[in-house]
Amino acid sequence: MLSVPTYWRGFGRDTHPNTHLHDVIKNVDIIYPWTIGRYNNEETYNNYKSKQKGDIEWCKQNKVDYAATIFPGFSWHNLNPQSPFN
């Protein structure tokens, strides 16, 4: 399993534009893109959803499994029990 930046396929935003990254990815069994903080439900998820579909299709074509990051959210209450749930 190899963790990769969110925009690994198109070398955007958080990914250094080195095409050898794809060569490395093609030699692993599973990739795990780091997507924490890259989208939210209200504004940006629909754009990210179409990007993710393209990533999964690339993986299928190159026989690499795709493991999506599941992020349940965040609450300051986890760090400070006196703060309210949010």
PDB file of N, CA and C in Angstrom:
ATOM      1  N   MET A   1       0.844  -1.172   0.000  1.00  0.00           N
ATOM      2  CA  MET A   1       0.000   0.000   0.000  1.00  0.00           C
ATOM      3  C   MET A   1       0.891   1.237   0.000  1.00  0.00           C
ATOM      4  N   LEU A   2       0.539   2.191  -0.827  1.00  0.00           N
ATOM      5  CA  LEU A   2       1.291   3.428  -0.941  1.00  0.00           C
ATOM      6  C   LEU A   2       0.350   4.604  -0.738  1.00  0.00           C
ATOM      7  N   SER A   3       0.673   5.469   0.209  1.00  0.00           N
ATOM      8  CA  SER A   3      -0.093   6.699   0.390  1.00  0.00           C
ATOM      9  C   SER A   3       0.402   7.717  -0.634  1.00  0.00           C
ATOM     10  N   VAL A   4      -0.544   8.385  -1.274  1.00  0.00           N
ATOM     11  CA  VAL A   4      -0.203   9.361  -2.308  1.00  0.00           C
ATOM     12  C   VAL A   4      -0.935  10.673  -2.028  1.00  0.00           C
ATOM     13  N   PRO A   5      -0.459  11.782  -2.612  1.00  0.00           N
ATOM     14  CA  PRO A   5      -1.171  13.054  -2.451  1.00  0.00           C
ATOM     15  C   PRO A   5      -2.546  12.995  -3.123  1.00  0.00           C
ATOM     16  N   THR A   6      -3.417  13.879  -2.730  1.00  0.00           N
ATOM     17  CA  THR A   6      -4.783  13.907  -3.270  1.00  0.00           C
ATOM     18  C   THR A   6      -4.806  14.026  -4.794  1.00  0.00           C
ATOM     19  N   TYR A   7      -3.991  14.901  -5.337  1.00  0.00           N
ATOM     20  CA  TYR A   7      -4.032  15.183  -6.781  1.00  0.00           C
ATOM     21  C   TYR A   7      -2.909  14.478  -7.534  1.00  0.00           C
ATOM     22  N   TRP A   8      -2.650  13.242  -7.158  1.00  0.00           N
ATOM     23  CA  TRP A   8      -1.559  12.443  -7.718  1.00  0.00           C
ATOM     24  C   TRP A   8      -1.704  12.193  -9.210  1.00  0.00           C
ATOM     25  N   ARG A   9      -2.931  11.974  -9.678  1.00  0.00           N
ATOM     26  CA  ARG A   9      -3.119  11.564 -11.075  1.00  0.00           C
ATOM     27  C   ARG A   9      -2.783  12.689 -12.050  1.00  0.00           C
ATOM     28  N   GLY A  10      -3.177  13.910 -11.742  1.00  0.00           N
ATOM     29  CA  GLY A  10      -2.954  15.024 -12.657  1.00  0.00           C
ATOM     30  C   GLY A  10      -1.833  15.947 -12.234  1.00  0.00           C
ATOM     31  N   PHE A  11      -1.101  15.594 -11.168  1.00  0.00           N
ATOM     32  CA  PHE A  11       0.015  16.385 -10.654  1.00  0.00           C
ATOM     33  C   PHE A  11      -0.410  17.814 -10.287  1.00  0.00           C
ATOM     34  N   GLY A  12      -1.578  17.929  -9.691  1.00  0.00           N
ATOM     35  CA  GLY A  12      -2.073  19.244  -9.305  1.00  0.00           C
ATOM     36  C   GLY A  12      -1.844  19.545  -7.839  1.00  0.00           C
ATOM     37  N   ARG A  13      -2.000  20.790  -7.492  1.00  0.00           N
ATOM     38  CA  ARG A  13      -2.009  21.345  -6.141  1.00  0.00           C
ATOM     39  C   ARG A  13      -0.973  20.782  -5.182  1.00  0.00           C
ATOM     40  N   ASP A  14      -1.159  19.562  -4.688  1.00  0.00           N
ATOM     41  CA  ASP A  14      -0.295  19.024  -3.630  1.00  0.00           C
ATOM     42  C   ASP A  14       0.709  17.994  -4.130  1.00  0.00           C
ATOM     43  N   THR A  15       0.892  17.909  -5.437  1.00  0.00           N
ATOM     44  CA  THR A  15       1.733  16.856  -6.012  1.00  0.00           C
ATOM     45  C   THR A  15       2.843  17.445  -6.878  1.00  0.00           C
ATOM     46  N   HIS A  16       4.062  17.041  -6.602  1.00  0.00           N
ATOM     47  CA  HIS A  16       5.200  17.455  -7.422  1.00  0.00           C
ATOM     48  C   HIS A  16       5.027  16.859  -8.825  1.00  0.00           C
ATOM     49  N   PRO A  17       5.206  17.640  -9.875  1.00  0.00           N
ATOM     50  CA  PRO A  17       4.959  17.153 -11.237  1.00  0.00           C
ATOM     51  C   PRO A  17       6.071  16.270 -11.786  1.00  0.00           C
ATOM     52  N   ASN A  18       6.252  15.113 -11.185  1.00  0.00           N
ATOM     53  CA  ASN A  18       7.255  14.162 -11.641  1.00  0.00           C
ATOM     54  C   ASN A  18       6.526  12.912 -12.129  1.00  0.00           C
ATOM     55  N   THR A  19       6.592  12.657 -13.421  1.00  0.00           N
ATOM     56  CA  THR A  19       5.841  11.544 -14.009  1.00  0.00           C
ATOM     57  C   THR A  19       6.287  10.180 -13.498  1.00  0.00           C
ATOM     58  N   HIS A  20       7.433  10.104 -12.843  1.00  0.00           N
ATOM     59  CA  HIS A  20       7.880   8.825 -12.277  1.00  0.00           C
ATOM     60  C   HIS A  20       6.974   8.362 -11.139  1.00  0.00           C
ATOM     61  N   LEU A  21       6.196   9.291 -10.579  1.00  0.00           N
ATOM     62  CA  LEU A  21       5.241   8.902  -9.544  1.00  0.00           C
ATOM     63  C   LEU A  21       4.280   7.839 -10.077  1.00  0.00           C
ATOM     64  N   HIS A  22       3.807   8.009 -11.299  1.00  0.00           N
ATOM     65  CA  HIS A  22       2.904   7.017 -11.881  1.00  0.00           C
ATOM     66  C   HIS A  22       3.600   5.671 -12.080  1.00  0.00           C
ATOM     67  N   ASP A  23       4.879   5.697 -12.407  1.00  0.00           N
ATOM     68  CA  ASP A  23       5.635   4.447 -12.536  1.00  0.00           C
ATOM     69  C   ASP A  23       5.701   3.721 -11.193  1.00  0.00           C
ATOM     70  N   VAL A  24       5.911   4.473 -10.130  1.00  0.00           N
ATOM     71  CA  VAL A  24       5.950   3.880  -8.790  1.00  0.00           C
ATOM     72  C   VAL A  24       4.590   3.301  -8.437  1.00  0.00           C
ATOM     73  N   ILE A  25       3.540   4.083  -8.669  1.00  0.00           N
ATOM     74  CA  ILE A  25       2.191   3.635  -8.334  1.00  0.00           C
ATOM     75  C   ILE A  25       1.839   2.342  -9.063  1.00  0.00           C
ATOM     76  N   LYS A  26       2.244   2.214 -10.300  1.00  0.00           N
ATOM     77  CA  LYS A  26       1.935   1.006 -11.081  1.00  0.00           C
ATOM     78  C   LYS A  26       2.619  -0.240 -10.527  1.00  0.00           C
ATOM     79  N   ASN A  27       3.556  -0.072  -9.599  1.00  0.00           N
ATOM     80  CA  ASN A  27       4.258  -1.210  -9.008  1.00  0.00           C
ATOM     81  C   ASN A  27       3.762  -1.582  -7.614  1.00  0.00           C
ATOM     82  N   VAL A  28       2.685  -0.971  -7.159  1.00  0.00           N
ATOM     83  CA  VAL A  28       2.141  -1.303  -5.839  1.00  0.00           C
ATOM     84  C   VAL A  28       0.784  -1.979  -6.010  1.00  0.00           C
ATOM     85  N   ASP A  29       0.306  -2.580  -4.943  1.00  0.00           N
ATOM     86  CA  ASP A  29      -0.996  -3.247  -4.986  1.00  0.00           C
ATOM     87  C   ASP A  29      -2.155  -2.281  -4.748  1.00  0.00           C
ATOM     88  N   ILE A  30      -1.951  -1.343  -3.836  1.00  0.00           N
ATOM     89  CA  ILE A  30      -3.033  -0.453  -3.400  1.00  0.00           C
ATOM     90  C   ILE A  30      -2.476   0.960  -3.235  1.00  0.00           C
ATOM     91  N   ILE A  31      -3.268   1.961  -3.655  1.00  0.00           N
ATOM     92  CA  ILE A  31      -2.916   3.335  -3.300  1.00  0.00           C
ATOM     93  C   ILE A  31      -3.957   3.868  -2.332  1.00  0.00           C
ATOM     94  N   TYR A  32      -3.507   4.824  -1.536  1.00  0.00           N
ATOM     95  CA  TYR A  32      -4.328   5.421  -0.492  1.00  0.00           C
ATOM     96  C   TYR A  32      -4.126   6.939  -0.533  1.00  0.00           C
ATOM     97  N   PRO A  33      -4.952   7.639  -1.326  1.00  0.00           N
ATOM     98  CA  PRO A  33      -4.798   9.086  -1.425  1.00  0.00           C
ATOM     99  C   PRO A  33      -5.144   9.794  -0.107  1.00  0.00           C
ATOM    100  N   TRP A  34      -4.344  10.770   0.266  1.00  0.00           N
ATOM    101  CA  TRP A  34      -4.580  11.558   1.469  1.00  0.00           C
ATOM    102  C   TRP A  34      -5.510  12.710   1.091  1.00  0.00           C
ATOM    103  N   THR A  35      -6.756  12.655   1.562  1.00  0.00           N
ATOM    104  CA  THR A  35      -7.765  13.640   1.164  1.00  0.00           C
ATOM    105  C   THR A  35      -8.313  14.460   2.325  1.00  0.00           C
ATOM    106  N   ILE A  36      -7.705  14.362   3.491  1.00  0.00           N
ATOM    107  CA  ILE A  36      -8.198  15.093   4.652  1.00  0.00           C
ATOM    108  C   ILE A  36      -8.148  16.599   4.371  1.00  0.00           C
ATOM    109  N   GLY A  37      -9.286  17.259   4.581  1.00  0.00           N
ATOM    110  CA  GLY A  37      -9.375  18.704   4.398  1.00  0.00           C
ATOM    111  C   GLY A  37      -9.428  19.167   2.955  1.00  0.00           C
ATOM    112  N   ARG A  38      -9.563  18.258   2.009  1.00  0.00           N
ATOM    113  CA  ARG A  38      -9.556  18.652   0.596  1.00  0.00           C
ATOM    114  C   ARG A  38     -10.945  19.010   0.068  1.00  0.00           C
ATOM    115  N   TYR A  39     -12.000  18.626   0.770  1.00  0.00           N
ATOM    116  CA  TYR A  39     -13.358  18.934   0.321  1.00  0.00           C
ATOM    117  C   TYR A  39     -14.284  18.962   1.533  1.00  0.00           C
ATOM    118  N   ASN A  40     -15.457  19.560   1.328  1.00  0.00           N
ATOM    119  CA  ASN A  40     -16.493  19.529   2.355  1.00  0.00           C
ATOM    120  C   ASN A  40     -17.826  19.207   1.692  1.00  0.00           C
ATOM    121  N   ASN A  41     -18.823  18.928   2.476  1.00  0.00           N
ATOM    122  CA  ASN A  41     -20.121  18.527   1.927  1.00  0.00           C
ATOM    123  C   ASN A  41     -20.826  19.643   1.176  1.00  0.00           C
ATOM    124  N   GLU A  42     -20.729  20.857   1.676  1.00  0.00           N
ATOM    125  CA  GLU A  42     -21.528  21.942   1.113  1.00  0.00           C
ATOM    126  C   GLU A  42     -21.026  22.465  -0.221  1.00  0.00           C
ATOM    127  N   GLU A  43     -19.732  22.675  -0.334  1.00  0.00           N
ATOM    128  CA  GLU A  43     -19.232  23.445  -1.468  1.00  0.00           C
ATOM    129  C   GLU A  43     -18.397  22.670  -2.473  1.00  0.00           C
ATOM    130  N   THR A  44     -17.588  21.759  -2.020  1.00  0.00           N
ATOM    131  CA  THR A  44     -16.572  21.218  -2.922  1.00  0.00           C
ATOM    132  C   THR A  44     -16.654  19.718  -3.178  1.00  0.00           C
ATOM    133  N   TYR A  45     -17.557  19.006  -2.504  1.00  0.00           N
ATOM    134  CA  TYR A  45     -17.573  17.554  -2.662  1.00  0.00           C
ATOM    135  C   TYR A  45     -17.923  17.128  -4.082  1.00  0.00           C
ATOM    136  N   ASN A  46     -18.892  17.754  -4.727  1.00  0.00           N
ATOM    137  CA  ASN A  46     -19.273  17.322  -6.078  1.00  0.00           C
ATOM    138  C   ASN A  46     -18.114  17.398  -7.057  1.00  0.00           C
ATOM    139  N   ASN A  47     -17.289  18.450  -6.956  1.00  0.00           N
ATOM    140  CA  ASN A  47     -16.104  18.536  -7.821  1.00  0.00           C
ATOM    141  C   ASN A  47     -15.118  17.423  -7.490  1.00  0.00           C
ATOM    142  N   TYR A  48     -14.907  17.179  -6.211  1.00  0.00           N
ATOM    143  CA  TYR A  48     -13.973  16.124  -5.818  1.00  0.00           C
ATOM    144  C   TYR A  48     -14.487  14.745  -6.231  1.00  0.00           C
ATOM    145  N   LYS A  49     -15.797  14.539  -6.142  1.00  0.00           N
ATOM    146  CA  LYS A  49     -16.385  13.242  -6.490  1.00  0.00           C
ATOM    147  C   LYS A  49     -16.048  12.863  -7.939  1.00  0.00           C
ATOM    148  N   SER A  50     -16.134  13.800  -8.860  1.00  0.00           N
ATOM    149  CA  SER A  50     -15.814  13.482 -10.253  1.00  0.00           C
ATOM    150  C   SER A  50     -14.318  13.218 -10.421  1.00  0.00           C
ATOM    151  N   LYS A  51     -13.472  13.923  -9.665  1.00  0.00           N
ATOM    152  CA  LYS A  51     -12.035  13.664  -9.697  1.00  0.00           C
ATOM    153  C   LYS A  51     -11.731  12.262  -9.187  1.00  0.00           C
ATOM    154  N   GLN A  52     -12.396  11.880  -8.098  1.00  0.00           N
ATOM    155  CA  GLN A  52     -12.176  10.558  -7.514  1.00  0.00           C
ATOM    156  C   GLN A  52     -12.609   9.444  -8.472  1.00  0.00           C
ATOM    157  N   LYS A  53     -13.698   9.642  -9.180  1.00  0.00           N
ATOM    158  CA  LYS A  53     -14.126   8.641 -10.175  1.00  0.00           C
ATOM    159  C   LYS A  53     -13.046   8.440 -11.232  1.00  0.00           C
ATOM    160  N   GLY A  54     -12.420   9.526 -11.676  1.00  0.00           N
ATOM    161  CA  GLY A  54     -11.324   9.417 -12.637  1.00  0.00           C
ATOM    162  C   GLY A  54     -10.122   8.694 -12.062  1.00  0.00           C
ATOM    163  N   ASP A  55      -9.828   8.953 -10.791  1.00  0.00           N
ATOM    164  CA  ASP A  55      -8.719   8.261 -10.126  1.00  0.00           C
ATOM    165  C   ASP A  55      -8.981   6.757 -10.060  1.00  0.00           C
ATOM    166  N   ILE A  56     -10.193   6.394  -9.698  1.00  0.00           N
ATOM    167  CA  ILE A  56     -10.544   4.974  -9.594  1.00  0.00           C
ATOM    168  C   ILE A  56     -10.468   4.308 -10.965  1.00  0.00           C
ATOM    169  N   GLU A  57     -10.910   4.999 -11.997  1.00  0.00           N
ATOM    170  CA  GLU A  57     -10.835   4.446 -13.351  1.00  0.00           C
ATOM    171  C   GLU A  57      -9.369   4.245 -13.764  1.00  0.00           C
ATOM    172  N   TRP A  58      -8.494   5.212 -13.462  1.00  0.00           N
ATOM    173  CA  TRP A  58      -7.068   5.067 -13.752  1.00  0.00           C
ATOM    174  C   TRP A  58      -6.525   3.833 -13.051  1.00  0.00           C
ATOM    175  N   CYS A  59      -6.900   3.648 -11.812  1.00  0.00           N
ATOM    176  CA  CYS A  59      -6.424   2.492 -11.042  1.00  0.00           C
ATOM    177  C   CYS A  59      -6.890   1.177 -11.664  1.00  0.00           C
ATOM    178  N   LYS A  60      -8.144   1.139 -12.084  1.00  0.00           N
ATOM    179  CA  LYS A  60      -8.656  -0.083 -12.733  1.00  0.00           C
ATOM    180  C   LYS A  60      -7.864  -0.396 -13.995  1.00  0.00           C
ATOM    181  N   GLN A  61      -7.608   0.622 -14.793  1.00  0.00           N
ATOM    182  CA  GLN A  61      -6.868   0.427 -16.040  1.00  0.00           C
ATOM    183  C   GLN A  61      -5.438  -0.036 -15.790  1.00  0.00           C
ATOM    184  N   ASN A  62      -4.874   0.344 -14.643  1.00  0.00           N
ATOM    185  CA  ASN A  62      -3.486   0.008 -14.328  1.00  0.00           C
ATOM    186  C   ASN A  62      -3.352  -1.088 -13.281  1.00  0.00           C
ATOM    187  N   LYS A  63      -4.489  -1.757 -12.974  1.00  0.00           N
ATOM    188  CA  LYS A  63      -4.514  -2.902 -12.051  1.00  0.00           C
ATOM    189  C   LYS A  63      -3.937  -2.570 -10.671  1.00  0.00           C
ATOM    190  N   VAL A  64      -4.368  -1.422 -10.148  1.00  0.00           N
ATOM    191  CA  VAL A  64      -3.990  -0.975  -8.811  1.00  0.00           C
ATOM    192  C   VAL A  64      -5.285  -0.766  -8.030  1.00  0.00           C
ATOM    193  N   ASP A  65      -5.369  -1.328  -6.848  1.00  0.00           N
ATOM    194  CA  ASP A  65      -6.557  -1.114  -6.021  1.00  0.00           C
ATOM    195  C   ASP A  65      -6.524   0.281  -5.411  1.00  0.00           C
ATOM    196  N   TYR A  66      -7.708   0.811  -5.122  1.00  0.00           N
ATOM    197  CA  TYR A  66      -7.853   2.172  -4.601  1.00  0.00           C
ATOM    198  C   TYR A  66      -8.528   2.091  -3.240  1.00  0.00           C
ATOM    199  N   ALA A  67      -7.889   2.629  -2.223  1.00  0.00           N
ATOM    200  CA  ALA A  67      -8.470   2.678  -0.877  1.00  0.00           C
ATOM    201  C   ALA A  67      -8.783   4.131  -0.553  1.00  0.00           C
ATOM    202  N   ALA A  68     -10.049   4.442  -0.450  1.00  0.00           N
ATOM    203  CA  ALA A  68     -10.459   5.815  -0.155  1.00  0.00           C
ATOM    204  C   ALA A  68     -10.207   6.150   1.314  1.00  0.00           C
ATOM    205  N   THR A  69      -9.874   7.402   1.575  1.00  0.00           N
ATOM    206  CA  THR A  69      -9.725   7.878   2.942  1.00  0.00           C
ATOM    207  C   THR A  69     -11.109   8.193   3.496  1.00  0.00           C
ATOM    208  N   ILE A  70     -11.394   7.675   4.670  1.00  0.00           N
ATOM    209  CA  ILE A  70     -12.656   7.967   5.345  1.00  0.00           C
ATOM    210  C   ILE A  70     -12.332   8.897   6.506  1.00  0.00           C
ATOM    211  N   PHE A  71     -12.890  10.097   6.472  1.00  0.00           N
ATOM    212  CA  PHE A  71     -12.631  11.089   7.502  1.00  0.00           C
ATOM    213  C   PHE A  71     -13.956  11.477   8.144  1.00  0.00           C
ATOM    214  N   PRO A  72     -14.172  11.088   9.399  1.00  0.00           N
ATOM    215  CA  PRO A  72     -15.470  11.324  10.029  1.00  0.00           C
ATOM    216  C   PRO A  72     -15.706  12.759  10.472  1.00  0.00           C
ATOM    217  N   GLY A  73     -14.708  13.600  10.383  1.00  0.00           N
ATOM    218  CA  GLY A  73     -14.860  14.984  10.822  1.00  0.00           C
ATOM    219  C   GLY A  73     -14.011  15.273  12.040  1.00  0.00           C
ATOM    220  N   PHE A  74     -14.282  16.399  12.680  1.00  0.00           N
ATOM    221  CA  PHE A  74     -13.468  16.846  13.788  1.00  0.00           C
ATOM    222  C   PHE A  74     -14.341  17.591  14.785  1.00  0.00           C
ATOM    223  N   SER A  75     -14.041  17.461  16.041  1.00  0.00           N
ATOM    224  CA  SER A  75     -14.691  18.233  17.088  1.00  0.00           C
ATOM    225  C   SER A  75     -13.639  18.659  18.101  1.00  0.00           C
ATOM    226  N   TRP A  76     -13.657  19.933  18.470  1.00  0.00           N
ATOM    227  CA  TRP A  76     -12.734  20.417  19.497  1.00  0.00           C
ATOM    228  C   TRP A  76     -12.972  19.690  20.810  1.00  0.00           C
ATOM    229  N   HIS A  77     -14.153  19.122  20.975  1.00  0.00           N
ATOM    230  CA  HIS A  77     -14.474  18.383  22.203  1.00  0.00           C
ATOM    231  C   HIS A  77     -13.504  17.217  22.418  1.00  0.00           C
ATOM    232  N   ASN A  78     -12.996  16.648  21.363  1.00  0.00           N
ATOM    233  CA  ASN A  78     -12.053  15.529  21.492  1.00  0.00           C
ATOM    234  C   ASN A  78     -10.758  15.949  22.178  1.00  0.00           C
ATOM    235  N   LEU A  79     -10.367  17.194  22.003  1.00  0.00           N
ATOM    236  CA  LEU A  79      -9.138  17.692  22.607  1.00  0.00           C
ATOM    237  C   LEU A  79      -9.382  18.365  23.959  1.00  0.00           C
ATOM    238  N   ASN A  80     -10.593  18.871  24.138  1.00  0.00           N
ATOM    239  CA  ASN A  80     -10.931  19.577  25.370  1.00  0.00           C
ATOM    240  C   ASN A  80     -12.353  19.173  25.789  1.00  0.00           C
ATOM    241  N   PRO A  81     -12.491  18.205  26.689  1.00  0.00           N
ATOM    242  CA  PRO A  81     -13.822  17.714  27.076  1.00  0.00           C
ATOM    243  C   PRO A  81     -14.748  18.783  27.638  1.00  0.00           C
ATOM    244  N   GLN A  82     -14.195  19.935  28.077  1.00  0.00           N
ATOM    245  CA  GLN A  82     -15.070  21.000  28.580  1.00  0.00           C
ATOM    246  C   GLN A  82     -15.728  21.783  27.452  1.00  0.00           C
ATOM    247  N   SER A  83     -15.211  21.701  26.255  1.00  0.00           N
ATOM    248  CA  SER A  83     -15.825  22.411  25.131  1.00  0.00           C
ATOM    249  C   SER A  83     -17.042  21.639  24.644  1.00  0.00           C
ATOM    250  N   PRO A  84     -18.008  22.331  24.025  1.00  0.00           N
ATOM    251  CA  PRO A  84     -19.212  21.639  23.555  1.00  0.00           C
ATOM    252  C   PRO A  84     -18.916  20.771  22.318  1.00  0.00           C
ATOM    253  N   PHE A  85     -19.773  19.783  22.082  1.00  0.00           N
ATOM    254  CA  PHE A  85     -19.674  19.020  20.839  1.00  0.00           C
ATOM    255  C   PHE A  85     -19.968  19.961  19.682  1.00  0.00           C
ATOM    256  N   ASN A  86     -19.243  19.817  18.575  1.00  0.00           N
ATOM    257  CA  ASN A  86     -19.527  20.626  17.392  1.00  0.00           C
ATOM    258  C   ASN A  86     -19.288  19.817  16.153  1.00  0.00           C
TER     259      ASN A  86
END
